[in-house]
Amino acid sequence: NLDSISVDATRNNQAIIRILTNGFLKAKALLSHAGFKVFDSSVLVLTLEDKPGELAKISRSLADDWINILNVFVIEKTKGEVLTGLQTSNDVAAKKILAEYL
């Protein structure tokens, strides 16, 4: 099942398609077989309050420990909460810092 999908255009008329799925190995095999270049990476899934400053607070916490945010995207928005996907330069440390949001 696909949990999330997003598409970004690149400068050379190509696209990057990001897919969040619980069936990674099957999706990777199918896309590779279809001729796509497939790269995998981990994503932290956070539950944030839907209010101004929440992402800034998380960004500051990570920056204080020299952890970069590589990508951030909304997975689902419900009343009062935002399920957020986050890719970082150090997921192990980021999990410890952001444990209350996981």
PDB file of N, CA and C in Angstrom:
ATOM      1  N   ASN A   1       0.828  -1.194   0.000  1.00  0.00           N
ATOM      2  CA  ASN A   1       0.000   0.000   0.000  1.00  0.00           C
ATOM      3  C   ASN A   1       0.866   1.248   0.000  1.00  0.00           C
ATOM      4  N   LEU A   2       0.426   2.261  -0.711  1.00  0.00           N
ATOM      5  CA  LEU A   2       1.097   3.549  -0.694  1.00  0.00           C
ATOM      6  C   LEU A   2       0.540   4.384   0.441  1.00  0.00           C
ATOM      7  N   ASP A   3       1.432   4.903   1.277  1.00  0.00           N
ATOM      8  CA  ASP A   3       1.009   5.794   2.352  1.00  0.00           C
ATOM      9  C   ASP A   3       1.104   7.249   1.928  1.00  0.00           C
ATOM     10  N   SER A   4       2.062   7.540   1.047  1.00  0.00           N
ATOM     11  CA  SER A   4       2.260   8.909   0.582  1.00  0.00           C
ATOM     12  C   SER A   4       3.045   8.868  -0.723  1.00  0.00           C
ATOM     13  N   ILE A   5       2.783   9.852  -1.579  1.00  0.00           N
ATOM     14  CA  ILE A   5       3.536   9.983  -2.823  1.00  0.00           C
ATOM     15  C   ILE A   5       3.685  11.472  -3.131  1.00  0.00           C
ATOM     16  N   SER A   6       4.890  11.849  -3.566  1.00  0.00           N
ATOM     17  CA  SER A   6       5.115  13.230  -3.977  1.00  0.00           C
ATOM     18  C   SER A   6       6.059  13.231  -5.172  1.00  0.00           C
ATOM     19  N   VAL A   7       5.993  14.288  -5.966  1.00  0.00           N
ATOM     20  CA  VAL A   7       6.805  14.391  -7.171  1.00  0.00           C
ATOM     21  C   VAL A   7       7.461  15.765  -7.206  1.00  0.00           C
ATOM     22  N   ASP A   8       8.762  15.768  -7.517  1.00  0.00           N
ATOM     23  CA  ASP A   8       9.512  17.011  -7.693  1.00  0.00           C
ATOM     24  C   ASP A   8      10.185  16.985  -9.055  1.00  0.00           C
ATOM     25  N   ALA A   9      10.139  18.106  -9.755  1.00  0.00           N
ATOM     26  CA  ALA A   9      10.836  18.228 -11.040  1.00  0.00           C
ATOM     27  C   ALA A   9      12.280  18.622 -10.783  1.00  0.00           C
ATOM     28  N   THR A  10      13.177  18.146 -11.629  1.00  0.00           N
ATOM     29  CA  THR A  10      14.585  18.522 -11.522  1.00  0.00           C
ATOM     30  C   THR A  10      14.919  19.519 -12.622  1.00  0.00           C
ATOM     31  N   ARG A  11      16.120  20.042 -12.584  1.00  0.00           N
ATOM     32  CA  ARG A  11      16.546  21.035 -13.568  1.00  0.00           C
ATOM     33  C   ARG A  11      16.717  20.456 -14.965  1.00  0.00           C
ATOM     34  N   ASN A  12      16.928  19.152 -15.069  1.00  0.00           N
ATOM     35  CA  ASN A  12      17.182  18.549 -16.380  1.00  0.00           C
ATOM     36  C   ASN A  12      15.984  17.761 -16.903  1.00  0.00           C
ATOM     37  N   ASN A  13      14.794  18.276 -16.663  1.00  0.00           N
ATOM     38  CA  ASN A  13      13.545  17.700 -17.176  1.00  0.00           C
ATOM     39  C   ASN A  13      13.317  16.258 -16.747  1.00  0.00           C
ATOM     40  N   GLN A  14      13.731  15.926 -15.552  1.00  0.00           N
ATOM     41  CA  GLN A  14      13.437  14.632 -14.966  1.00  0.00           C
ATOM     42  C   GLN A  14      12.595  14.870 -13.724  1.00  0.00           C
ATOM     43  N   ALA A  15      12.159  13.797 -13.100  1.00  0.00           N
ATOM     44  CA  ALA A  15      11.350  13.927 -11.894  1.00  0.00           C
ATOM     45  C   ALA A  15      11.863  12.982 -10.818  1.00  0.00           C
ATOM     46  N   ILE A  16      11.693  13.410  -9.604  1.00  0.00           N
ATOM     47  CA  ILE A  16      11.957  12.556  -8.451  1.00  0.00           C
ATOM     48  C   ILE A  16      10.602  12.229  -7.848  1.00  0.00           C
ATOM     49  N   ILE A  17      10.306  10.946  -7.771  1.00  0.00           N
ATOM     50  CA  ILE A  17       9.038  10.497  -7.197  1.00  0.00           C
ATOM     51  C   ILE A  17       9.354   9.861  -5.855  1.00  0.00           C
ATOM     52  N   ARG A  18       8.776  10.404  -4.794  1.00  0.00           N
ATOM     53  CA  ARG A  18       8.985   9.868  -3.456  1.00  0.00           C
ATOM     54  C   ARG A  18       7.747   9.076  -3.059  1.00  0.00           C
ATOM     55  N   ILE A  19       7.965   7.836  -2.668  1.00  0.00           N
ATOM     56  CA  ILE A  19       6.860   6.959  -2.282  1.00  0.00           C
ATOM     57  C   ILE A  19       7.114   6.455  -0.873  1.00  0.00           C
ATOM     58  N   LEU A  20       6.138   6.602  -0.018  1.00  0.00           N
ATOM     59  CA  LEU A  20       6.192   6.049   1.331  1.00  0.00           C
ATOM     60  C   LEU A  20       5.255   4.847   1.348  1.00  0.00           C
ATOM     61  N   THR A  21       5.823   3.671   1.622  1.00  0.00           N
ATOM     62  CA  THR A  21       5.024   2.445   1.559  1.00  0.00           C
ATOM     63  C   THR A  21       5.459   1.470   2.639  1.00  0.00           C
ATOM     64  N   ASN A  22       4.558   0.597   3.033  1.00  0.00           N
ATOM     65  CA  ASN A  22       4.923  -0.463   3.981  1.00  0.00           C
ATOM     66  C   ASN A  22       5.396  -1.708   3.228  1.00  0.00           C
ATOM     67  N   GLY A  23       5.316  -1.703   1.903  1.00  0.00           N
ATOM     68  CA  GLY A  23       5.767  -2.820   1.081  1.00  0.00           C
ATOM     69  C   GLY A  23       6.969  -2.429   0.250  1.00  0.00           C
ATOM     70  N   PHE A  24       8.020  -1.948   0.922  1.00  0.00           N
ATOM     71  CA  PHE A  24       9.160  -1.386   0.230  1.00  0.00           C
ATOM     72  C   PHE A  24       9.806  -2.355  -0.755  1.00  0.00           C
ATOM     73  N   LEU A  25      10.084  -3.575  -0.337  1.00  0.00           N
ATOM     74  CA  LEU A  25      10.808  -4.504  -1.211  1.00  0.00           C
ATOM     75  C   LEU A  25      10.027  -4.813  -2.485  1.00  0.00           C
ATOM     76  N   LYS A  26       8.724  -4.992  -2.357  1.00  0.00           N
ATOM     77  CA  LYS A  26       7.894  -5.269  -3.528  1.00  0.00           C
ATOM     78  C   LYS A  26       7.855  -4.045  -4.451  1.00  0.00           C
ATOM     79  N   ALA A  27       7.671  -2.864  -3.871  1.00  0.00           N
ATOM     80  CA  ALA A  27       7.630  -1.635  -4.674  1.00  0.00           C
ATOM     81  C   ALA A  27       8.960  -1.415  -5.385  1.00  0.00           C
ATOM     82  N   LYS A  28      10.059  -1.654  -4.687  1.00  0.00           N
ATOM     83  CA  LYS A  28      11.393  -1.482  -5.285  1.00  0.00           C
ATOM     84  C   LYS A  28      11.581  -2.437  -6.462  1.00  0.00           C
ATOM     85  N   ALA A  29      11.179  -3.684  -6.290  1.00  0.00           N
ATOM     86  CA  ALA A  29      11.321  -4.671  -7.362  1.00  0.00           C
ATOM     87  C   ALA A  29      10.465  -4.296  -8.570  1.00  0.00           C
ATOM     88  N   LEU A  30       9.221  -3.898  -8.336  1.00  0.00           N
ATOM     89  CA  LEU A  30       8.328  -3.537  -9.442  1.00  0.00           C
ATOM     90  C   LEU A  30       8.832  -2.313 -10.198  1.00  0.00           C
ATOM     91  N   LEU A  31       9.258  -1.285  -9.468  1.00  0.00           N
ATOM     92  CA  LEU A  31       9.737  -0.068 -10.124  1.00  0.00           C
ATOM     93  C   LEU A  31      11.053  -0.305 -10.860  1.00  0.00           C
ATOM     94  N   SER A  32      11.953  -1.079 -10.277  1.00  0.00           N
ATOM     95  CA  SER A  32      13.220  -1.407 -10.946  1.00  0.00           C
ATOM     96  C   SER A  32      12.957  -2.186 -12.224  1.00  0.00           C
ATOM     97  N   HIS A  33      12.043  -3.150 -12.147  1.00  0.00           N
ATOM     98  CA  HIS A  33      11.696  -3.952 -13.322  1.00  0.00           C
ATOM     99  C   HIS A  33      11.087  -3.087 -14.432  1.00  0.00           C
ATOM    100  N   ALA A  34      10.395  -2.025 -14.047  1.00  0.00           N
ATOM    101  CA  ALA A  34       9.781  -1.121 -15.026  1.00  0.00           C
ATOM    102  C   ALA A  34      10.789  -0.117 -15.593  1.00  0.00           C
ATOM    103  N   GLY A  35      12.040  -0.166 -15.125  1.00  0.00           N
ATOM    104  CA  GLY A  35      13.064   0.697 -15.686  1.00  0.00           C
ATOM    105  C   GLY A  35      13.376   1.954 -14.898  1.00  0.00           C
ATOM    106  N   PHE A  36      12.781   2.116 -13.732  1.00  0.00           N
ATOM    107  CA  PHE A  36      13.053   3.291 -12.908  1.00  0.00           C
ATOM    108  C   PHE A  36      14.324   3.080 -12.094  1.00  0.00           C
ATOM    109  N   LYS A  37      15.071   4.157 -11.862  1.00  0.00           N
ATOM    110  CA  LYS A  37      16.174   4.121 -10.910  1.00  0.00           C
ATOM    111  C   LYS A  37      15.561   4.257  -9.524  1.00  0.00           C
ATOM    112  N   VAL A  38      15.856   3.316  -8.654  1.00  0.00           N
ATOM    113  CA  VAL A  38      15.244   3.306  -7.324  1.00  0.00           C
ATOM    114  C   VAL A  38      16.311   3.518  -6.259  1.00  0.00           C
ATOM    115  N   PHE A  39      16.080   4.483  -5.396  1.00  0.00           N
ATOM    116  CA  PHE A  39      16.943   4.752  -4.254  1.00  0.00           C
ATOM    117  C   PHE A  39      16.078   4.652  -3.005  1.00  0.00           C
ATOM    118  N   ASP A  40      16.637   4.100  -1.948  1.00  0.00           N
ATOM    119  CA  ASP A  40      15.837   4.010  -0.732  1.00  0.00           C
ATOM    120  C   ASP A  40      16.461   4.825   0.388  1.00  0.00           C
ATOM    121  N   SER A  41      15.623   5.283   1.288  1.00  0.00           N
ATOM    122  CA  SER A  41      16.071   6.028   2.460  1.00  0.00           C
ATOM    123  C   SER A  41      15.026   5.881   3.549  1.00  0.00           C
ATOM    124  N   SER A  42      15.442   6.145   4.759  1.00  0.00           N
ATOM    125  CA  SER A  42      14.506   6.034   5.877  1.00  0.00           C
ATOM    126  C   SER A  42      13.769   7.357   6.083  1.00  0.00           C
ATOM    127  N   VAL A  43      12.603   7.257   6.689  1.00  0.00           N
ATOM    128  CA  VAL A  43      11.778   8.423   6.992  1.00  0.00           C
ATOM    129  C   VAL A  43      11.270   8.288   8.416  1.00  0.00           C
ATOM    130  N   LEU A  44      11.442   9.340   9.188  1.00  0.00           N
ATOM    131  CA  LEU A  44      10.831   9.385  10.516  1.00  0.00           C
ATOM    132  C   LEU A  44       9.415   9.928  10.341  1.00  0.00           C
ATOM    133  N   VAL A  45       8.459   9.296  10.977  1.00  0.00           N
ATOM    134  CA  VAL A  45       7.075   9.758  10.895  1.00  0.00           C
ATOM    135  C   VAL A  45       6.714  10.379  12.236  1.00  0.00           C
ATOM    136  N   LEU A  46       6.436  11.679  12.208  1.00  0.00           N
ATOM    137  CA  LEU A  46       6.168  12.448  13.421  1.00  0.00           C
ATOM    138  C   LEU A  46       4.718  12.894  13.462  1.00  0.00           C
ATOM    139  N   THR A  47       4.182  12.994  14.653  1.00  0.00           N
ATOM    140  CA  THR A  47       2.863  13.579  14.856  1.00  0.00           C
ATOM    141  C   THR A  47       3.064  14.941  15.501  1.00  0.00           C
ATOM    142  N   LEU A  48       2.757  15.987  14.748  1.00  0.00           N
ATOM    143  CA  LEU A  48       2.921  17.358  15.221  1.00  0.00           C
ATOM    144  C   LEU A  48       1.569  18.003  15.451  1.00  0.00           C
ATOM    145  N   GLU A  49       1.535  18.940  16.405  1.00  0.00           N
ATOM    146  CA  GLU A  49       0.330  19.737  16.568  1.00  0.00           C
ATOM    147  C   GLU A  49       0.200  20.640  15.348  1.00  0.00           C
ATOM    148  N   ASP A  50      -1.020  20.850  14.884  1.00  0.00           N
ATOM    149  CA  ASP A  50      -1.269  21.708  13.730  1.00  0.00           C
ATOM    150  C   ASP A  50      -1.387  23.152  14.203  1.00  0.00           C
ATOM    151  N   LYS A  51      -0.212  23.745  14.490  1.00  0.00           N
ATOM    152  CA  LYS A  51      -0.193  25.146  14.915  1.00  0.00           C
ATOM    153  C   LYS A  51       1.132  25.773  14.488  1.00  0.00           C
ATOM    154  N   PRO A  52       1.139  27.079  14.316  1.00  0.00           N
ATOM    155  CA  PRO A  52       2.351  27.760  13.876  1.00  0.00           C
ATOM    156  C   PRO A  52       3.519  27.510  14.836  1.00  0.00           C
ATOM    157  N   GLY A  53       4.701  27.294  14.253  1.00  0.00           N
ATOM    158  CA  GLY A  53       5.910  27.154  15.039  1.00  0.00           C
ATOM    159  C   GLY A  53       6.325  25.741  15.383  1.00  0.00           C
ATOM    160  N   GLU A  54       5.468  24.756  15.144  1.00  0.00           N
ATOM    161  CA  GLU A  54       5.815  23.379  15.510  1.00  0.00           C
ATOM    162  C   GLU A  54       7.001  22.853  14.700  1.00  0.00           C
ATOM    163  N   LEU A  55       6.992  23.078  13.411  1.00  0.00           N
ATOM    164  CA  LEU A  55       8.106  22.629  12.579  1.00  0.00           C
ATOM    165  C   LEU A  55       9.380  23.400  12.928  1.00  0.00           C
ATOM    166  N   ALA A  56       9.253  24.670  13.233  1.00  0.00           N
ATOM    167  CA  ALA A  56      10.408  25.476  13.638  1.00  0.00           C
ATOM    168  C   ALA A  56      11.016  24.946  14.930  1.00  0.00           C
ATOM    169  N   LYS A  57      10.170  24.528  15.866  1.00  0.00           N
ATOM    170  CA  LYS A  57      10.651  23.989  17.141  1.00  0.00           C
ATOM    171  C   LYS A  57      11.467  22.718  16.908  1.00  0.00           C
ATOM    172  N   ILE A  58      10.969  21.855  16.049  1.00  0.00           N
ATOM    173  CA  ILE A  58      11.673  20.607  15.729  1.00  0.00           C
ATOM    174  C   ILE A  58      12.970  20.913  14.984  1.00  0.00           C
ATOM    175  N   SER A  59      12.909  21.832  14.053  1.00  0.00           N
ATOM    176  CA  SER A  59      14.100  22.220  13.295  1.00  0.00           C
ATOM    177  C   SER A  59      15.193  22.739  14.220  1.00  0.00           C
ATOM    178  N   ARG A  60      14.821  23.565  15.186  1.00  0.00           N
ATOM    179  CA  ARG A  60      15.790  24.122  16.135  1.00  0.00           C
ATOM    180  C   ARG A  60      16.396  23.015  16.989  1.00  0.00           C
ATOM    181  N   SER A  61      15.574  22.081  17.454  1.00  0.00           N
ATOM    182  CA  SER A  61      16.080  20.968  18.273  1.00  0.00           C
ATOM    183  C   SER A  61      17.119  20.160  17.513  1.00  0.00           C
ATOM    184  N   LEU A  62      16.856  19.885  16.247  1.00  0.00           N
ATOM    185  CA  LEU A  62      17.800  19.131  15.431  1.00  0.00           C
ATOM    186  C   LEU A  62      19.055  19.951  15.134  1.00  0.00           C
ATOM    187  N   ALA A  63      18.875  21.212  14.808  1.00  0.00           N
ATOM    188  CA  ALA A  63      20.007  22.083  14.485  1.00  0.00           C
ATOM    189  C   ALA A  63      20.954  22.228  15.677  1.00  0.00           C
ATOM    190  N   ASP A  64      20.409  22.264  16.872  1.00  0.00           N
ATOM    191  CA  ASP A  64      21.243  22.377  18.075  1.00  0.00           C
ATOM    192  C   ASP A  64      22.217  21.210  18.200  1.00  0.00           C
ATOM    193  N   ASP A  65      21.871  20.062  17.627  1.00  0.00           N
ATOM    194  CA  ASP A  65      22.752  18.883  17.632  1.00  0.00           C
ATOM    195  C   ASP A  65      23.377  18.626  16.261  1.00  0.00           C
ATOM    196  N   TRP A  66      23.394  19.639  15.400  1.00  0.00           N
ATOM    197  CA  TRP A  66      24.031  19.574  14.083  1.00  0.00           C
ATOM    198  C   TRP A  66      23.437  18.487  13.184  1.00  0.00           C
ATOM    199  N   ILE A  67      22.138  18.291  13.285  1.00  0.00           N
ATOM    200  CA  ILE A  67      21.434  17.337  12.431  1.00  0.00           C
ATOM    201  C   ILE A  67      20.686  18.123  11.366  1.00  0.00           C
ATOM    202  N   ASN A  68      20.931  17.799  10.111  1.00  0.00           N
ATOM    203  CA  ASN A  68      20.272  18.476   8.997  1.00  0.00           C
ATOM    204  C   ASN A  68      18.955  17.789   8.656  1.00  0.00           C
ATOM    205  N   ILE A  69      17.990  18.591   8.245  1.00  0.00           N
ATOM    206  CA  ILE A  69      16.749  18.061   7.671  1.00  0.00           C
ATOM    207  C   ILE A  69      16.976  17.980   6.169  1.00  0.00           C
ATOM    208  N   LEU A  70      16.859  16.778   5.617  1.00  0.00           N
ATOM    209  CA  LEU A  70      17.067  16.566   4.185  1.00  0.00           C
ATOM    210  C   LEU A  70      15.775  16.736   3.394  1.00  0.00           C
ATOM    211  N   ASN A  71      14.659  16.374   4.021  1.00  0.00           N
ATOM    212  CA  ASN A  71      13.364  16.455   3.352  1.00  0.00           C
ATOM    213  C   ASN A  71      12.282  16.435   4.424  1.00  0.00           C
ATOM    214  N   VAL A  72      11.223  17.164   4.186  1.00  0.00           N
ATOM    215  CA  VAL A  72      10.070  17.149   5.092  1.00  0.00           C
ATOM    216  C   VAL A  72       8.810  17.222   4.234  1.00  0.00           C
ATOM    217  N   PHE A  73       7.801  16.443   4.610  1.00  0.00           N
ATOM    218  CA  PHE A  73       6.561  16.455   3.844  1.00  0.00           C
ATOM    219  C   PHE A  73       5.380  16.042   4.727  1.00  0.00           C
ATOM    220  N   VAL A  74       4.212  16.512   4.352  1.00  0.00           N
ATOM    221  CA  VAL A  74       2.983  16.175   5.064  1.00  0.00           C
ATOM    222  C   VAL A  74       2.455  14.853   4.523  1.00  0.00           C
ATOM    223  N   ILE A  75       2.189  13.938   5.429  1.00  0.00           N
ATOM    224  CA  ILE A  75       1.596  12.656   5.052  1.00  0.00           C
ATOM    225  C   ILE A  75       0.081  12.738   5.165  1.00  0.00           C
ATOM    226  N   GLU A  76      -0.375  13.301   6.278  1.00  0.00           N
ATOM    227  CA  GLU A  76      -1.817  13.413   6.509  1.00  0.00           C
ATOM    228  C   GLU A  76      -2.078  14.533   7.503  1.00  0.00           C
ATOM    229  N   LYS A  77      -3.131  15.278   7.256  1.00  0.00           N
ATOM    230  CA  LYS A  77      -3.516  16.363   8.154  1.00  0.00           C
ATOM    231  C   LYS A  77      -4.919  16.076   8.663  1.00  0.00           C
ATOM    232  N   THR A  78      -5.044  16.026   9.976  1.00  0.00           N
ATOM    233  CA  THR A  78      -6.347  15.816  10.591  1.00  0.00           C
ATOM    234  C   THR A  78      -6.626  16.994  11.523  1.00  0.00           C
ATOM    235  N   LYS A  79      -7.758  16.967  12.165  1.00  0.00           N
ATOM    236  CA  LYS A  79      -8.130  18.062  13.055  1.00  0.00           C
ATOM    237  C   LYS A  79      -7.131  18.160  14.214  1.00  0.00           C
ATOM    238  N   GLY A  80      -6.317  19.201  14.186  1.00  0.00           N
ATOM    239  CA  GLY A  80      -5.399  19.455  15.281  1.00  0.00           C
ATOM    240  C   GLY A  80      -4.033  18.798  15.176  1.00  0.00           C
ATOM    241  N   GLU A  81      -3.821  17.891  14.221  1.00  0.00           N
ATOM    242  CA  GLU A  81      -2.542  17.205  14.097  1.00  0.00           C
ATOM    243  C   GLU A  81      -2.104  17.086  12.639  1.00  0.00           C
ATOM    244  N   VAL A  82      -0.784  17.006  12.459  1.00  0.00           N
ATOM    245  CA  VAL A  82      -0.209  16.802  11.131  1.00  0.00           C
ATOM    246  C   VAL A  82       0.769  15.639  11.217  1.00  0.00           C
ATOM    247  N   LEU A  83       0.505  14.584  10.465  1.00  0.00           N
ATOM    248  CA  LEU A  83       1.431  13.464  10.358  1.00  0.00           C
ATOM    249  C   LEU A  83       2.486  13.884   9.339  1.00  0.00           C
ATOM    250  N   THR A  84       3.752  13.944   9.775  1.00  0.00           N
ATOM    251  CA  THR A  84       4.821  14.544   8.987  1.00  0.00           C
ATOM    252  C   THR A  84       5.948  13.545   8.749  1.00  0.00           C
ATOM    253  N   GLY A  85       6.401  13.443   7.502  1.00  0.00           N
ATOM    254  CA  GLY A  85       7.560  12.628   7.172  1.00  0.00           C
ATOM    255  C   GLY A  85       8.802  13.494   7.211  1.00  0.00           C
ATOM    256  N   LEU A  86       9.866  12.966   7.817  1.00  0.00           N
ATOM    257  CA  LEU A  86      11.087  13.740   7.986  1.00  0.00           C
ATOM    258  C   LEU A  86      12.295  12.864   7.682  1.00  0.00           C
ATOM    259  N   GLN A  87      13.144  13.315   6.773  1.00  0.00           N
ATOM    260  CA  GLN A  87      14.411  12.652   6.492  1.00  0.00           C
ATOM    261  C   GLN A  87      15.511  13.530   7.059  1.00  0.00           C
ATOM    262  N   THR A  88      16.446  12.918   7.785  1.00  0.00           N
ATOM    263  CA  THR A  88      17.512  13.684   8.429  1.00  0.00           C
ATOM    264  C   THR A  88      18.876  13.118   8.069  1.00  0.00           C
ATOM    265  N   SER A  89      19.897  13.855   8.446  1.00  0.00           N
ATOM    266  CA  SER A  89      21.274  13.407   8.219  1.00  0.00           C
ATOM    267  C   SER A  89      21.732  12.401   9.278  1.00  0.00           C
ATOM    268  N   ASN A  90      20.955  12.238  10.348  1.00  0.00           N
ATOM    269  CA  ASN A  90      21.314  11.302  11.415  1.00  0.00           C
ATOM    270  C   ASN A  90      20.032  10.826  12.104  1.00  0.00           C
ATOM    271  N   ASP A  91      19.415   9.789  11.551  1.00  0.00           N
ATOM    272  CA  ASP A  91      18.131   9.315  12.085  1.00  0.00           C
ATOM    273  C   ASP A  91      18.230   8.765  13.501  1.00  0.00           C
ATOM    274  N   VAL A  92      19.341   8.135  13.835  1.00  0.00           N
ATOM    275  CA  VAL A  92      19.481   7.565  15.180  1.00  0.00           C
ATOM    276  C   VAL A  92      19.413   8.672  16.236  1.00  0.00           C
ATOM    277  N   ALA A  93      20.203   9.722  16.035  1.00  0.00           N
ATOM    278  CA  ALA A  93      20.189  10.841  16.979  1.00  0.00           C
ATOM    279  C   ALA A  93      18.859  11.591  16.922  1.00  0.00           C
ATOM    280  N   ALA A  94      18.306  11.767  15.729  1.00  0.00           N
ATOM    281  CA  ALA A  94      17.032  12.483  15.578  1.00  0.00           C
ATOM    282  C   ALA A  94      15.906  11.754  16.311  1.00  0.00           C
ATOM    283  N   LYS A  95      15.903  10.428  16.286  1.00  0.00           N
ATOM    284  CA  LYS A  95      14.871   9.665  17.005  1.00  0.00           C
ATOM    285  C   LYS A  95      14.924   9.943  18.498  1.00  0.00           C
ATOM    286  N   LYS A  96      16.125  10.050  19.040  1.00  0.00           N
ATOM    287  CA  LYS A  96      16.265  10.340  20.471  1.00  0.00           C
ATOM    288  C   LYS A  96      15.756  11.740  20.797  1.00  0.00           C
ATOM    289  N   ILE A  97      16.119  12.701  19.962  1.00  0.00           N
ATOM    290  CA  ILE A  97      15.729  14.091  20.195  1.00  0.00           C
ATOM    291  C   ILE A  97      14.228  14.282  20.024  1.00  0.00           C
ATOM    292  N   LEU A  98      13.647  13.591  19.054  1.00  0.00           N
ATOM    293  CA  LEU A  98      12.232  13.791  18.700  1.00  0.00           C
ATOM    294  C   LEU A  98      11.318  12.675  19.226  1.00  0.00           C
ATOM    295  N   ALA A  99      11.764  11.934  20.216  1.00  0.00           N
ATOM    296  CA  ALA A  99      11.018  10.772  20.712  1.00  0.00           C
ATOM    297  C   ALA A  99       9.567  11.099  21.070  1.00  0.00           C
ATOM    298  N   GLU A 100       9.321  12.265  21.598  1.00  0.00           N
ATOM    299  CA  GLU A 100       7.955  12.616  22.006  1.00  0.00           C
ATOM    300  C   GLU A 100       7.010  12.784  20.812  1.00  0.00           C
ATOM    301  N   TYR A 101       7.557  12.931  19.603  1.00  0.00           N
ATOM    302  CA  TYR A 101       6.740  13.124  18.399  1.00  0.00           C
ATOM    303  C   TYR A 101       6.553  11.849  17.596  1.00  0.00           C
ATOM    304  N   LEU A 102       7.318  10.787  17.930  1.00  0.00           N
ATOM    305  CA  LEU A 102       7.271   9.552  17.154  1.00  0.00           C
ATOM    306  C   LEU A 102       6.050   8.721  17.510  1.00  0.00           C
TER     307      LEU A 102
END
